[in-house]
Amino acid sequence: EFVVEGRARAAGVSQFCDAAFVALDSSGATTRPIVNQVGWHVGQGPDPQGVQSTALARNDLTVMAFSPLDEANANILHGEPYTTIASSHSSTPAQVALRWLAQR
């Protein structure tokens, strides 16, 4: 509604899986989201729950990670292999984790 009224340039969604996009497609919605915000951090691996493959399969869909440093898991900021990688690149473990996500 905000996009149609011109009060927003685009729409985004949070935690949408492929089934949610299928439901959206069949709902007759005229506005397509361009961002899907999902919980994603380096400890989950390169493509948790098919997040990237879903984004790639849908044109113009960008993935936005929330909690990218997984603050609940101290290992990412203070454990291996993150500290070793960070020191070899003169950066912090947080910078390593964020760069890894950005390169996906």
PDB file of N, CA and C in Angstrom:
ATOM      1  N   GLU A   1       0.828  -1.190   0.000  1.00  0.00           N
ATOM      2  CA  GLU A   1       0.000   0.000   0.000  1.00  0.00           C
ATOM      3  C   GLU A   1       0.875   1.258   0.000  1.00  0.00           C
ATOM      4  N   PHE A   2       1.951   1.271   0.783  1.00  0.00           N
ATOM      5  CA  PHE A   2       2.832   2.437   0.822  1.00  0.00           C
ATOM      6  C   PHE A   2       3.529   2.650  -0.520  1.00  0.00           C
ATOM      7  N   VAL A   3       3.913   1.572  -1.184  1.00  0.00           N
ATOM      8  CA  VAL A   3       4.569   1.687  -2.486  1.00  0.00           C
ATOM      9  C   VAL A   3       3.582   2.217  -3.516  1.00  0.00           C
ATOM     10  N   VAL A   4       2.374   1.681  -3.527  1.00  0.00           N
ATOM     11  CA  VAL A   4       1.343   2.110  -4.477  1.00  0.00           C
ATOM     12  C   VAL A   4       1.023   3.591  -4.282  1.00  0.00           C
ATOM     13  N   GLU A   5       0.982   4.043  -3.030  1.00  0.00           N
ATOM     14  CA  GLU A   5       0.674   5.445  -2.722  1.00  0.00           C
ATOM     15  C   GLU A   5       1.869   6.372  -2.926  1.00  0.00           C
ATOM     16  N   GLY A   6       3.043   5.812  -3.203  1.00  0.00           N
ATOM     17  CA  GLY A   6       4.231   6.618  -3.408  1.00  0.00           C
ATOM     18  C   GLY A   6       4.913   7.059  -2.122  1.00  0.00           C
ATOM     19  N   ARG A   7       4.520   6.492  -0.995  1.00  0.00           N
ATOM     20  CA  ARG A   7       5.128   6.861   0.290  1.00  0.00           C
ATOM     21  C   ARG A   7       6.365   6.021   0.589  1.00  0.00           C
ATOM     22  N   ALA A   8       6.611   5.002  -0.197  1.00  0.00           N
ATOM     23  CA  ALA A   8       7.814   4.171  -0.087  1.00  0.00           C
ATOM     24  C   ALA A   8       8.260   3.806  -1.496  1.00  0.00           C
ATOM     25  N   ARG A   9       9.568   3.708  -1.687  1.00  0.00           N
ATOM     26  CA  ARG A   9      10.083   3.353  -3.013  1.00  0.00           C
ATOM     27  C   ARG A   9      10.018   1.865  -3.286  1.00  0.00           C
ATOM     28  N   ALA A  10      10.077   1.068  -2.222  1.00  0.00           N
ATOM     29  CA  ALA A  10      10.107  -0.385  -2.397  1.00  0.00           C
ATOM     30  C   ALA A  10       9.609  -1.054  -1.126  1.00  0.00           C
ATOM     31  N   ALA A  11       9.340  -2.355  -1.250  1.00  0.00           N
ATOM     32  CA  ALA A  11       8.876  -3.142  -0.103  1.00  0.00           C
ATOM     33  C   ALA A  11       9.893  -4.229   0.206  1.00  0.00           C
ATOM     34  N   GLY A  12       9.954  -4.588   1.470  1.00  0.00           N
ATOM     35  CA  GLY A  12      10.819  -5.672   1.904  1.00  0.00           C
ATOM     36  C   GLY A  12      10.057  -6.600   2.823  1.00  0.00           C
ATOM     37  N   VAL A  13      10.573  -7.797   2.990  1.00  0.00           N
ATOM     38  CA  VAL A  13       9.960  -8.791   3.869  1.00  0.00           C
ATOM     39  C   VAL A  13      11.031  -9.329   4.810  1.00  0.00           C
ATOM     40  N   SER A  14      10.590 -10.032   5.830  1.00  0.00           N
ATOM     41  CA  SER A  14      11.518 -10.611   6.784  1.00  0.00           C
ATOM     42  C   SER A  14      11.169 -12.070   7.011  1.00  0.00           C
ATOM     43  N   GLN A  15      12.202 -12.909   6.947  1.00  0.00           N
ATOM     44  CA  GLN A  15      12.073 -14.339   7.226  1.00  0.00           C
ATOM     45  C   GLN A  15      11.171 -15.065   6.225  1.00  0.00           C
ATOM     46  N   PHE A  16      11.118 -14.625   4.987  1.00  0.00           N
ATOM     47  CA  PHE A  16      10.311 -15.315   3.983  1.00  0.00           C
ATOM     48  C   PHE A  16      11.086 -16.512   3.440  1.00  0.00           C
ATOM     49  N   CYS A  17      10.462 -17.668   3.458  1.00  0.00           N
ATOM     50  CA  CYS A  17      11.015 -18.862   2.820  1.00  0.00           C
ATOM     51  C   CYS A  17      10.408 -18.952   1.425  1.00  0.00           C
ATOM     52  N   ASP A  18      10.810 -19.953   0.660  1.00  0.00           N
ATOM     53  CA  ASP A  18      10.292 -20.082  -0.696  1.00  0.00           C
ATOM     54  C   ASP A  18       8.779 -20.270  -0.699  1.00  0.00           C
ATOM     55  N   ALA A  19       8.244 -21.031   0.269  1.00  0.00           N
ATOM     56  CA  ALA A  19       6.793 -21.243   0.337  1.00  0.00           C
ATOM     57  C   ALA A  19       6.051 -19.926   0.565  1.00  0.00           C
ATOM     58  N   ALA A  20       6.633 -19.023   1.337  1.00  0.00           N
ATOM     59  CA  ALA A  20       5.999 -17.721   1.565  1.00  0.00           C
ATOM     60  C   ALA A  20       5.964 -16.904   0.275  1.00  0.00           C
ATOM     61  N   PHE A  21       7.014 -17.008  -0.536  1.00  0.00           N
ATOM     62  CA  PHE A  21       7.007 -16.304  -1.818  1.00  0.00           C
ATOM     63  C   PHE A  21       5.980 -16.904  -2.772  1.00  0.00           C
ATOM     64  N   VAL A  22       5.826 -18.218  -2.749  1.00  0.00           N
ATOM     65  CA  VAL A  22       4.806 -18.865  -3.579  1.00  0.00           C
ATOM     66  C   VAL A  22       3.424 -18.364  -3.169  1.00  0.00           C
ATOM     67  N   ALA A  23       3.176 -18.288  -1.858  1.00  0.00           N
ATOM     68  CA  ALA A  23       1.892 -17.781  -1.366  1.00  0.00           C
ATOM     69  C   ALA A  23       1.691 -16.329  -1.783  1.00  0.00           C
ATOM     70  N   LEU A  24       2.747 -15.532  -1.725  1.00  0.00           N
ATOM     71  CA  LEU A  24       2.650 -14.138  -2.144  1.00  0.00           C
ATOM     72  C   LEU A  24       2.322 -14.045  -3.631  1.00  0.00           C
ATOM     73  N   ASP A  25       2.977 -14.885  -4.432  1.00  0.00           N
ATOM     74  CA  ASP A  25       2.709 -14.899  -5.871  1.00  0.00           C
ATOM     75  C   ASP A  25       1.248 -15.212  -6.169  1.00  0.00           C
ATOM     76  N   SER A  26       0.684 -16.147  -5.433  1.00  0.00           N
ATOM     77  CA  SER A  26      -0.698 -16.557  -5.703  1.00  0.00           C
ATOM     78  C   SER A  26      -1.725 -15.626  -5.063  1.00  0.00           C
ATOM     79  N   SER A  27      -1.278 -14.663  -4.264  1.00  0.00           N
ATOM     80  CA  SER A  27      -2.211 -13.755  -3.584  1.00  0.00           C
ATOM     81  C   SER A  27      -2.712 -12.633  -4.484  1.00  0.00           C
ATOM     82  N   GLY A  28      -2.053 -12.436  -5.599  1.00  0.00           N
ATOM     83  CA  GLY A  28      -2.446 -11.349  -6.486  1.00  0.00           C
ATOM     84  C   GLY A  28      -1.827 -10.012  -6.112  1.00  0.00           C
ATOM     85  N   ALA A  29      -0.853 -10.019  -5.221  1.00  0.00           N
ATOM     86  CA  ALA A  29      -0.196  -8.777  -4.811  1.00  0.00           C
ATOM     87  C   ALA A  29       0.473  -8.122  -6.013  1.00  0.00           C
ATOM     88  N   THR A  30       0.349  -6.818  -6.101  1.00  0.00           N
ATOM     89  CA  THR A  30       0.930  -6.099  -7.238  1.00  0.00           C
ATOM     90  C   THR A  30       2.338  -5.589  -6.953  1.00  0.00           C
ATOM     91  N   THR A  31       2.710  -5.512  -5.697  1.00  0.00           N
ATOM     92  CA  THR A  31       4.041  -5.044  -5.318  1.00  0.00           C
ATOM     93  C   THR A  31       4.901  -6.226  -4.905  1.00  0.00           C
ATOM     94  N   ARG A  32       6.081  -6.314  -5.512  1.00  0.00           N
ATOM     95  CA  ARG A  32       7.011  -7.390  -5.185  1.00  0.00           C
ATOM     96  C   ARG A  32       8.063  -6.864  -4.218  1.00  0.00           C
ATOM     97  N   PRO A  33       8.394  -7.624  -3.186  1.00  0.00           N
ATOM     98  CA  PRO A  33       9.477  -7.197  -2.298  1.00  0.00           C
ATOM     99  C   PRO A  33      10.818  -7.281  -3.019  1.00  0.00           C
ATOM    100  N   ILE A  34      11.715  -6.388  -2.650  1.00  0.00           N
ATOM    101  CA  ILE A  34      13.052  -6.431  -3.246  1.00  0.00           C
ATOM    102  C   ILE A  34      14.103  -6.873  -2.236  1.00  0.00           C
ATOM    103  N   VAL A  35      13.730  -6.960  -0.947  1.00  0.00           N
ATOM    104  CA  VAL A  35      14.651  -7.372   0.110  1.00  0.00           C
ATOM    105  C   VAL A  35      13.978  -8.419   0.981  1.00  0.00           C
ATOM    106  N   ASN A  36      14.731  -9.472   1.315  1.00  0.00           N
ATOM    107  CA  ASN A  36      14.278 -10.461   2.288  1.00  0.00           C
ATOM    108  C   ASN A  36      15.301 -10.461   3.419  1.00  0.00           C
ATOM    109  N   GLN A  37      14.875 -10.021   4.586  1.00  0.00           N
ATOM    110  CA  GLN A  37      15.764  -9.956   5.748  1.00  0.00           C
ATOM    111  C   GLN A  37      15.675 -11.279   6.501  1.00  0.00           C
ATOM    112  N   VAL A  38      16.819 -11.926   6.675  1.00  0.00           N
ATOM    113  CA  VAL A  38      16.848 -13.232   7.339  1.00  0.00           C
ATOM    114  C   VAL A  38      17.972 -13.274   8.369  1.00  0.00           C
ATOM    115  N   GLY A  39      17.789 -14.086   9.393  1.00  0.00           N
ATOM    116  CA  GLY A  39      18.857 -14.318  10.353  1.00  0.00           C
ATOM    117  C   GLY A  39      19.952 -15.119   9.677  1.00  0.00           C
ATOM    118  N   TRP A  40      21.136 -14.526   9.559  1.00  0.00           N
ATOM    119  CA  TRP A  40      22.214 -15.206   8.839  1.00  0.00           C
ATOM    120  C   TRP A  40      23.545 -14.717   9.389  1.00  0.00           C
ATOM    121  N   HIS A  41      24.409 -15.648   9.719  1.00  0.00           N
ATOM    122  CA  HIS A  41      25.746 -15.297  10.184  1.00  0.00           C
ATOM    123  C   HIS A  41      26.731 -16.351   9.719  1.00  0.00           C
ATOM    124  N   VAL A  42      27.997 -16.053   9.853  1.00  0.00           N
ATOM    125  CA  VAL A  42      29.064 -16.895   9.335  1.00  0.00           C
ATOM    126  C   VAL A  42      29.005 -18.321   9.879  1.00  0.00           C
ATOM    127  N   GLY A  43      28.535 -18.512  11.083  1.00  0.00           N
ATOM    128  CA  GLY A  43      28.466 -19.843  11.673  1.00  0.00           C
ATOM    129  C   GLY A  43      27.437 -20.756  11.048  1.00  0.00           C
ATOM    130  N   GLN A  44      26.558 -20.208  10.212  1.00  0.00           N
ATOM    131  CA  GLN A  44      25.519 -21.019   9.580  1.00  0.00           C
ATOM    132  C   GLN A  44      25.947 -21.621   8.254  1.00  0.00           C
ATOM    133  N   GLY A  45      27.058 -21.222   7.719  1.00  0.00           N
ATOM    134  CA  GLY A  45      27.500 -21.749   6.445  1.00  0.00           C
ATOM    135  C   GLY A  45      27.089 -20.855   5.291  1.00  0.00           C
ATOM    136  N   PRO A  46      27.449 -21.247   4.071  1.00  0.00           N
ATOM    137  CA  PRO A  46      27.290 -20.379   2.917  1.00  0.00           C
ATOM    138  C   PRO A  46      25.857 -20.146   2.450  1.00  0.00           C
ATOM    139  N   ASP A  47      24.931 -21.057   2.691  1.00  0.00           N
ATOM    140  CA  ASP A  47      23.566 -20.865   2.180  1.00  0.00           C
ATOM    141  C   ASP A  47      22.547 -21.522   3.105  1.00  0.00           C
ATOM    142  N   PRO A  48      22.333 -20.958   4.286  1.00  0.00           N
ATOM    143  CA  PRO A  48      21.400 -21.582   5.221  1.00  0.00           C
ATOM    144  C   PRO A  48      19.984 -21.598   4.669  1.00  0.00           C
ATOM    145  N   GLN A  49      19.365 -22.735   4.714  1.00  0.00           N
ATOM    146  CA  GLN A  49      17.975 -22.905   4.292  1.00  0.00           C
ATOM    147  C   GLN A  49      17.717 -22.404   2.877  1.00  0.00           C
ATOM    148  N   GLY A  50      18.728 -22.428   2.028  1.00  0.00           N
ATOM    149  CA  GLY A  50      18.537 -22.020   0.640  1.00  0.00           C
ATOM    150  C   GLY A  50      18.281 -20.538   0.448  1.00  0.00           C
ATOM    151  N   VAL A  51      18.732 -19.708   1.386  1.00  0.00           N
ATOM    152  CA  VAL A  51      18.481 -18.267   1.326  1.00  0.00           C
ATOM    153  C   VAL A  51      18.989 -17.675   0.017  1.00  0.00           C
ATOM    154  N   GLN A  52      20.248 -17.947  -0.318  1.00  0.00           N
ATOM    155  CA  GLN A  52      20.824 -17.373  -1.526  1.00  0.00           C
ATOM    156  C   GLN A  52      20.204 -17.957  -2.781  1.00  0.00           C
ATOM    157  N   SER A  53      19.966 -19.259  -2.802  1.00  0.00           N
ATOM    158  CA  SER A  53      19.396 -19.849  -4.008  1.00  0.00           C
ATOM    159  C   SER A  53      17.990 -19.324  -4.258  1.00  0.00           C
ATOM    160  N   THR A  54      17.222 -19.068  -3.192  1.00  0.00           N
ATOM    161  CA  THR A  54      15.898 -18.470  -3.357  1.00  0.00           C
ATOM    162  C   THR A  54      16.035 -17.062  -3.913  1.00  0.00           C
ATOM    163  N   ALA A  55      16.984 -16.293  -3.388  1.00  0.00           N
ATOM    164  CA  ALA A  55      17.188 -14.922  -3.861  1.00  0.00           C
ATOM    165  C   ALA A  55      17.620 -14.904  -5.318  1.00  0.00           C
ATOM    166  N   LEU A  56      18.522 -15.800  -5.685  1.00  0.00           N
ATOM    167  CA  LEU A  56      19.003 -15.836  -7.058  1.00  0.00           C
ATOM    168  C   LEU A  56      17.919 -16.276  -8.030  1.00  0.00           C
ATOM    169  N   ALA A  57      17.033 -17.140  -7.579  1.00  0.00           N
ATOM    170  CA  ALA A  57      15.966 -17.626  -8.445  1.00  0.00           C
ATOM    171  C   ALA A  57      14.918 -16.541  -8.706  1.00  0.00           C
ATOM    172  N   ARG A  58      14.873 -15.551  -7.848  1.00  0.00           N
ATOM    173  CA  ARG A  58      13.901 -14.463  -7.982  1.00  0.00           C
ATOM    174  C   ARG A  58      14.660 -13.191  -8.353  1.00  0.00           C
ATOM    175  N   ASN A  59      14.385 -12.667  -9.517  1.00  0.00           N
ATOM    176  CA  ASN A  59      15.100 -11.478  -9.984  1.00  0.00           C
ATOM    177  C   ASN A  59      14.935 -10.313  -9.022  1.00  0.00           C
ATOM    178  N   ASP A  60      15.997  -9.572  -8.847  1.00  0.00           N
ATOM    179  CA  ASP A  60      16.001  -8.344  -8.051  1.00  0.00           C
ATOM    180  C   ASP A  60      15.656  -8.553  -6.589  1.00  0.00           C
ATOM    181  N   LEU A  61      15.925  -9.716  -6.031  1.00  0.00           N
ATOM    182  CA  LEU A  61      15.702  -9.944  -4.605  1.00  0.00           C
ATOM    183  C   LEU A  61      17.055  -9.945  -3.904  1.00  0.00           C
ATOM    184  N   THR A  62      17.207  -9.067  -2.939  1.00  0.00           N
ATOM    185  CA  THR A  62      18.436  -8.947  -2.173  1.00  0.00           C
ATOM    186  C   THR A  62      18.239  -9.566  -0.803  1.00  0.00           C
ATOM    187  N   VAL A  63      19.251 -10.254  -0.314  1.00  0.00           N
ATOM    188  CA  VAL A  63      19.207 -10.825   1.029  1.00  0.00           C
ATOM    189  C   VAL A  63      19.888  -9.846   1.982  1.00  0.00           C
ATOM    190  N   MET A  64      19.231  -9.561   3.101  1.00  0.00           N
ATOM    191  CA  MET A  64      19.797  -8.714   4.148  1.00  0.00           C
ATOM    192  C   MET A  64      19.897  -9.552   5.415  1.00  0.00           C
ATOM    193  N   ALA A  65      21.078  -9.632   5.980  1.00  0.00           N
ATOM    194  CA  ALA A  65      21.276 -10.430   7.195  1.00  0.00           C
ATOM    195  C   ALA A  65      20.972  -9.599   8.433  1.00  0.00           C
ATOM    196  N   PHE A  66      20.181 -10.176   9.333  1.00  0.00           N
ATOM    197  CA  PHE A  66      20.100  -9.554  10.651  1.00  0.00           C
ATOM    198  C   PHE A  66      20.843 -10.449  11.617  1.00  0.00           C
ATOM    199  N   SER A  67      21.402  -9.865  12.653  1.00  0.00           N
ATOM    200  CA  SER A  67      22.271 -10.546  13.609  1.00  0.00           C
ATOM    201  C   SER A  67      23.466 -11.187  12.899  1.00  0.00           C
ATOM    202  N   PRO A  68      24.151 -10.422  12.022  1.00  0.00           N
ATOM    203  CA  PRO A  68      25.235 -11.009  11.237  1.00  0.00           C
ATOM    204  C   PRO A  68      26.438 -11.456  12.053  1.00  0.00           C
ATOM    205  N   LEU A  69      26.569 -10.965  13.276  1.00  0.00           N
ATOM    206  CA  LEU A  69      27.689 -11.388  14.118  1.00  0.00           C
ATOM    207  C   LEU A  69      27.266 -12.406  15.158  1.00  0.00           C
ATOM    208  N   ASP A  70      26.005 -12.794  15.156  1.00  0.00           N
ATOM    209  CA  ASP A  70      25.470 -13.784  16.096  1.00  0.00           C
ATOM    210  C   ASP A  70      26.006 -13.521  17.500  1.00  0.00           C
ATOM    211  N   GLU A  71      25.604 -12.401  18.059  1.00  0.00           N
ATOM    212  CA  GLU A  71      26.108 -11.971  19.358  1.00  0.00           C
ATOM    213  C   GLU A  71      25.936 -13.024  20.446  1.00  0.00           C
ATOM    214  N   ALA A  72      25.012 -13.946  20.269  1.00  0.00           N
ATOM    215  CA  ALA A  72      24.812 -15.007  21.262  1.00  0.00           C
ATOM    216  C   ALA A  72      25.943 -16.033  21.231  1.00  0.00           C
ATOM    217  N   ASN A  73      26.716 -16.045  20.149  1.00  0.00           N
ATOM    218  CA  ASN A  73      27.791 -17.013  19.976  1.00  0.00           C
ATOM    219  C   ASN A  73      29.138 -16.285  20.044  1.00  0.00           C
ATOM    220  N   ALA A  74      29.755 -16.280  21.201  1.00  0.00           N
ATOM    221  CA  ALA A  74      31.025 -15.562  21.389  1.00  0.00           C
ATOM    222  C   ALA A  74      32.145 -16.129  20.526  1.00  0.00           C
ATOM    223  N   ASN A  75      31.989 -17.349  20.027  1.00  0.00           N
ATOM    224  CA  ASN A  75      33.033 -17.979  19.225  1.00  0.00           C
ATOM    225  C   ASN A  75      33.329 -17.192  17.952  1.00  0.00           C
ATOM    226  N   ILE A  76      32.329 -16.557  17.370  1.00  0.00           N
ATOM    227  CA  ILE A  76      32.560 -15.820  16.127  1.00  0.00           C
ATOM    228  C   ILE A  76      33.482 -14.626  16.366  1.00  0.00           C
ATOM    229  N   LEU A  77      33.301 -13.947  17.463  1.00  0.00           N
ATOM    230  CA  LEU A  77      34.123 -12.765  17.720  1.00  0.00           C
ATOM    231  C   LEU A  77      35.414 -13.068  18.469  1.00  0.00           C
ATOM    232  N   HIS A  78      35.481 -14.227  19.133  1.00  0.00           N
ATOM    233  CA  HIS A  78      36.647 -14.494  19.980  1.00  0.00           C
ATOM    234  C   HIS A  78      37.276 -15.872  19.770  1.00  0.00           C
ATOM    235  N   GLY A  79      36.754 -16.670  18.861  1.00  0.00           N
ATOM    236  CA  GLY A  79      37.251 -18.027  18.705  1.00  0.00           C
ATOM    237  C   GLY A  79      37.917 -18.278  17.368  1.00  0.00           C
ATOM    238  N   GLU A  80      38.321 -19.515  17.204  1.00  0.00           N
ATOM    239  CA  GLU A  80      38.953 -19.951  15.955  1.00  0.00           C
ATOM    240  C   GLU A  80      37.882 -20.418  14.976  1.00  0.00           C
ATOM    241  N   PRO A  81      38.090 -20.295  13.709  1.00  0.00           N
ATOM    242  CA  PRO A  81      39.278 -19.785  13.016  1.00  0.00           C
ATOM    243  C   PRO A  81      39.257 -18.272  12.807  1.00  0.00           C
ATOM    244  N   TYR A  82      38.235 -17.608  13.342  1.00  0.00           N
ATOM    245  CA  TYR A  82      38.028 -16.188  13.058  1.00  0.00           C
ATOM    246  C   TYR A  82      39.176 -15.303  13.533  1.00  0.00           C
ATOM    247  N   THR A  83      39.715 -15.579  14.725  1.00  0.00           N
ATOM    248  CA  THR A  83      40.804 -14.737  15.234  1.00  0.00           C
ATOM    249  C   THR A  83      42.078 -14.909  14.405  1.00  0.00           C
ATOM    250  N   THR A  84      42.359 -16.127  13.984  1.00  0.00           N
ATOM    251  CA  THR A  84      43.546 -16.373  13.157  1.00  0.00           C
ATOM    252  C   THR A  84      43.405 -15.708  11.793  1.00  0.00           C
ATOM    253  N   ILE A  85      42.257 -15.861  11.173  1.00  0.00           N
ATOM    254  CA  ILE A  85      42.021 -15.230   9.866  1.00  0.00           C
ATOM    255  C   ILE A  85      42.135 -13.714   9.999  1.00  0.00           C
ATOM    256  N   ALA A  86      41.533 -13.169  11.042  1.00  0.00           N
ATOM    257  CA  ALA A  86      41.566 -11.722  11.245  1.00  0.00           C
ATOM    258  C   ALA A  86      42.987 -11.211  11.422  1.00  0.00           C
ATOM    259  N   SER A  87      43.778 -11.880  12.249  1.00  0.00           N
ATOM    260  CA  SER A  87      45.143 -11.392  12.485  1.00  0.00           C
ATOM    261  C   SER A  87      45.999 -11.501  11.229  1.00  0.00           C
ATOM    262  N   SER A  88      45.754 -12.500  10.397  1.00  0.00           N
ATOM    263  CA  SER A  88      46.542 -12.628   9.166  1.00  0.00           C
ATOM    264  C   SER A  88      46.166 -11.570   8.126  1.00  0.00           C
ATOM    265  N   HIS A  89      45.035 -10.914   8.309  1.00  0.00           N
ATOM    266  CA  HIS A  89      44.602  -9.865   7.378  1.00  0.00           C
ATOM    267  C   HIS A  89      44.561  -8.487   8.033  1.00  0.00           C
ATOM    268  N   SER A  90      45.174  -8.367   9.197  1.00  0.00           N
ATOM    269  CA  SER A  90      45.195  -7.099   9.941  1.00  0.00           C
ATOM    270  C   SER A  90      43.797  -6.513  10.103  1.00  0.00           C
ATOM    271  N   SER A  91      42.866  -7.358  10.507  1.00  0.00           N
ATOM    272  CA  SER A  91      41.496  -6.911  10.729  1.00  0.00           C
ATOM    273  C   SER A  91      40.948  -7.577  11.983  1.00  0.00           C
ATOM    274  N   THR A  92      39.698  -7.305  12.288  1.00  0.00           N
ATOM    275  CA  THR A  92      39.067  -7.898  13.465  1.00  0.00           C
ATOM    276  C   THR A  92      38.223  -9.095  13.047  1.00  0.00           C
ATOM    277  N   PRO A  93      37.924 -10.003  13.974  1.00  0.00           N
ATOM    278  CA  PRO A  93      37.030 -11.117  13.648  1.00  0.00           C
ATOM    279  C   PRO A  93      35.673 -10.633  13.130  1.00  0.00           C
ATOM    280  N   ALA A  94      35.173  -9.532  13.663  1.00  0.00           N
ATOM    281  CA  ALA A  94      33.894  -8.987  13.186  1.00  0.00           C
ATOM    282  C   ALA A  94      34.003  -8.565  11.724  1.00  0.00           C
ATOM    283  N   GLN A  95      35.112  -7.929  11.344  1.00  0.00           N
ATOM    284  CA  GLN A  95      35.306  -7.533   9.951  1.00  0.00           C
ATOM    285  C   GLN A  95      35.377  -8.750   9.036  1.00  0.00           C
ATOM    286  N   VAL A  96      36.033  -9.803   9.495  1.00  0.00           N
ATOM    287  CA  VAL A  96      36.118 -11.042   8.717  1.00  0.00           C
ATOM    288  C   VAL A  96      34.724 -11.623   8.497  1.00  0.00           C
ATOM    289  N   ALA A  97      33.935 -11.699   9.565  1.00  0.00           N
ATOM    290  CA  ALA A  97      32.590 -12.271   9.469  1.00  0.00           C
ATOM    291  C   ALA A  97      31.697 -11.449   8.549  1.00  0.00           C
ATOM    292  N   LEU A  98      31.752 -10.134   8.670  1.00  0.00           N
ATOM    293  CA  LEU A  98      30.916  -9.277   7.826  1.00  0.00           C
ATOM    294  C   LEU A  98      31.344  -9.333   6.363  1.00  0.00           C
ATOM    295  N   ARG A  99      32.642  -9.400   6.123  1.00  0.00           N
ATOM    296  CA  ARG A  99      33.108  -9.502   4.735  1.00  0.00           C
ATOM    297  C   ARG A  99      32.672 -10.827   4.116  1.00  0.00           C
ATOM    298  N   TRP A 100      32.747 -11.905   4.899  1.00  0.00           N
ATOM    299  CA  TRP A 100      32.329 -13.215   4.406  1.00  0.00           C
ATOM    300  C   TRP A 100      30.869 -13.153   3.960  1.00  0.00           C
ATOM    301  N   LEU A 101      30.021 -12.530   4.761  1.00  0.00           N
ATOM    302  CA  LEU A 101      28.608 -12.405   4.392  1.00  0.00           C
ATOM    303  C   LEU A 101      28.431 -11.545   3.148  1.00  0.00           C
ATOM    304  N   ALA A 102      29.140 -10.433   3.087  1.00  0.00           N
ATOM    305  CA  ALA A 102      28.999  -9.524   1.949  1.00  0.00           C
ATOM    306  C   ALA A 102      29.428 -10.182   0.641  1.00  0.00           C
ATOM    307  N   GLN A 103      30.352 -11.124   0.708  1.00  0.00           N
ATOM    308  CA  GLN A 103      30.835 -11.791  -0.500  1.00  0.00           C
ATOM    309  C   GLN A 103      29.921 -12.914  -0.966  1.00  0.00           C
ATOM    310  N   ARG A 104      28.917 -13.245  -0.213  1.00  0.00           N
ATOM    311  CA  ARG A 104      28.005 -14.318  -0.608  1.00  0.00           C
ATOM    312  C   ARG A 104      27.045 -13.847  -1.645  1.00  0.00           C
TER     313      ARG A 104
END
